[in-house]
Protein backbone atom coordinates (compact mmCIF):
# COMPACT_ATOMS: atom_id res chain seq x y z
CA UNK A 1 -9.73 0.05 13.71
CA UNK A 2 -9.76 2.97 10.83
CA UNK A 3 -9.87 6.06 11.91
CA UNK A 4 -10.12 9.87 10.13
CA UNK A 5 -10.76 12.99 11.63
CA UNK A 6 -10.87 16.39 9.82
CA UNK A 7 -10.25 19.76 11.70
CA UNK A 8 -11.52 22.33 9.50
CA UNK A 9 -11.28 26.48 10.70
CA UNK A 10 -14.51 26.17 7.77
CA UNK A 11 -17.54 27.69 9.81
CA UNK A 12 -20.96 25.90 10.22
CA UNK A 13 -21.21 23.88 7.06
CA UNK A 14 -25.05 22.48 6.19
CA UNK A 15 -25.04 19.22 8.04
CA UNK A 16 -25.28 17.58 4.33
CA UNK A 17 -22.40 18.30 3.38
CA UNK A 18 -20.95 16.90 6.68
CA UNK A 19 -22.64 14.28 6.16
CA UNK A 20 -21.77 13.66 2.54
CA UNK A 21 -17.56 14.32 3.33
CA UNK A 22 -17.98 11.98 6.38
CA UNK A 23 -19.94 9.09 4.09
CA UNK A 24 -17.14 9.61 1.14
CA UNK A 25 -14.14 9.63 3.28
CA UNK A 26 -15.27 6.11 5.37
CA UNK A 27 -15.25 4.49 2.21
CA UNK A 28 -12.30 5.76 0.84
CA UNK A 29 -10.62 4.73 3.92
CA UNK A 30 -12.22 1.78 3.99
CA UNK A 31 -10.60 1.36 0.29
CA UNK A 32 -7.41 2.33 1.14
CA UNK A 33 -6.82 -0.50 4.03
CA UNK A 34 -8.35 -3.24 2.63
CA UNK A 35 -11.06 -3.25 5.68
CA UNK A 36 -14.66 -3.44 5.95
CA UNK A 37 -16.18 -0.02 5.83
CA UNK A 38 -18.20 -1.38 9.58
CA UNK A 39 -14.46 -0.74 11.09
CA UNK A 40 -14.13 2.61 9.95
CA UNK A 41 -14.78 5.90 12.05
CA UNK A 42 -14.89 9.09 10.44
CA UNK A 43 -14.88 12.93 12.76
CA UNK A 44 -15.67 16.26 11.39
CA UNK A 45 -15.51 19.42 13.85
CA UNK A 46 -15.71 22.41 12.26
CA UNK A 47 -15.05 26.49 12.90
CA UNK A 48 -12.24 26.02 14.74
CA UNK A 49 -9.83 29.23 15.19
CA UNK A 50 -6.55 28.01 12.73
CA UNK A 51 -3.64 29.70 10.63
CA UNK A 52 -1.40 27.99 8.71
CA UNK A 53 1.00 30.33 6.88
CA UNK A 54 0.19 32.85 9.63
CA UNK A 55 -3.04 33.67 7.70
CA UNK A 56 -6.87 32.89 8.77
CA UNK A 57 -7.98 31.59 5.04
CA UNK A 58 -9.65 28.31 5.56
CA UNK A 59 -7.79 25.32 6.65
CA UNK A 60 -7.33 21.60 7.39
CA UNK A 61 -5.80 19.44 9.39
CA UNK A 62 -6.40 15.98 9.44
CA UNK A 63 -5.30 12.84 11.77
CA UNK A 64 -5.62 9.01 9.93
CA UNK A 65 -4.99 6.17 12.34
CA UNK A 66 -5.24 2.68 11.31
CA UNK A 67 -3.98 -0.68 12.90
CA UNK A 68 -0.92 -1.95 10.73
CA UNK A 69 1.84 -0.58 9.04
CA UNK A 70 1.69 1.84 6.61
CA UNK A 71 3.87 2.32 3.64
CA UNK A 72 4.67 5.04 1.77
CA UNK A 73 2.38 4.21 -1.49
CA UNK A 74 0.03 4.45 0.37
CA UNK A 75 0.68 6.91 2.66
CA UNK A 76 1.15 9.60 -1.09
CA UNK A 77 -2.07 7.77 -2.69
CA UNK A 78 -4.19 8.85 0.47
CA UNK A 79 -3.37 12.82 0.53
CA UNK A 80 -3.76 12.48 -2.97
CA UNK A 81 -7.84 11.29 -2.85
CA UNK A 82 -8.28 13.31 1.14
CA UNK A 83 -6.56 16.38 -0.18
CA UNK A 84 -8.80 16.66 -3.40
CA UNK A 85 -11.80 15.22 -1.46
CA UNK A 86 -11.33 18.20 0.89
CA UNK A 87 -10.69 20.72 -1.94
CA UNK A 88 -14.15 19.24 -3.63
CA UNK A 89 -16.21 19.05 -0.18
CA UNK A 90 -15.30 22.31 1.75
CA UNK A 91 -12.68 24.26 -0.94
CA UNK A 92 -10.52 24.15 1.26
CA UNK A 93 -7.18 24.51 -1.19
CA UNK A 94 -5.03 21.45 -0.69
CA UNK A 95 -1.83 23.37 0.05
CA UNK A 96 -3.63 24.23 3.13
CA UNK A 97 -4.18 20.94 4.45
CA UNK A 98 -2.05 18.78 6.82
CA UNK A 99 -2.58 15.30 7.64
CA UNK A 100 -1.22 13.39 9.96
CA UNK A 101 -0.50 8.92 9.44
CA UNK A 102 -0.38 7.03 12.29
CA UNK A 103 0.02 3.63 12.81
CA UNK A 104 -1.58 1.85 16.01
CA UNK A 105 -0.54 -1.13 17.61
CA UNK A 106 -3.25 -3.76 17.91
CA UNK A 107 -2.73 -3.55 21.48
CA UNK A 108 -3.01 0.25 21.98
CA UNK A 109 -6.31 -0.46 20.28
CA UNK A 110 -9.87 -0.82 22.05
CA UNK A 111 -12.92 -2.03 20.94
CA UNK A 112 -15.98 -3.86 22.59
CA UNK A 113 -14.45 -4.00 25.74
CA UNK A 114 -11.35 -5.72 24.54
CA UNK A 115 -8.28 -4.64 22.20
CA UNK A 116 -7.35 -5.53 18.67
CA UNK A 117 -3.57 -7.42 20.36
């Protein structure tokens, strides 16, 4: 049920680098939400035309969704952790990363022919 989706202007990263990023983020998301990693989905999209601050320097947008309510301490910790991971893995400066955190209602999240609500 936790989901992290990363969209970046970085063009054509190596497949191994993408897989490393996704598995790292999957483990981190599971830890932050104290949920089994078997429920975590990760998505990466590269080479997306994006600007930030009016420039085309490397940029990243991240969506984090989870069933339940995220508090400000959680989102601050995740922001620090995920921005550092993106800096390390993709070389994008943290000041060029936006993260959107979204709480999902159980009945609005489907899986395995049903919902969590």
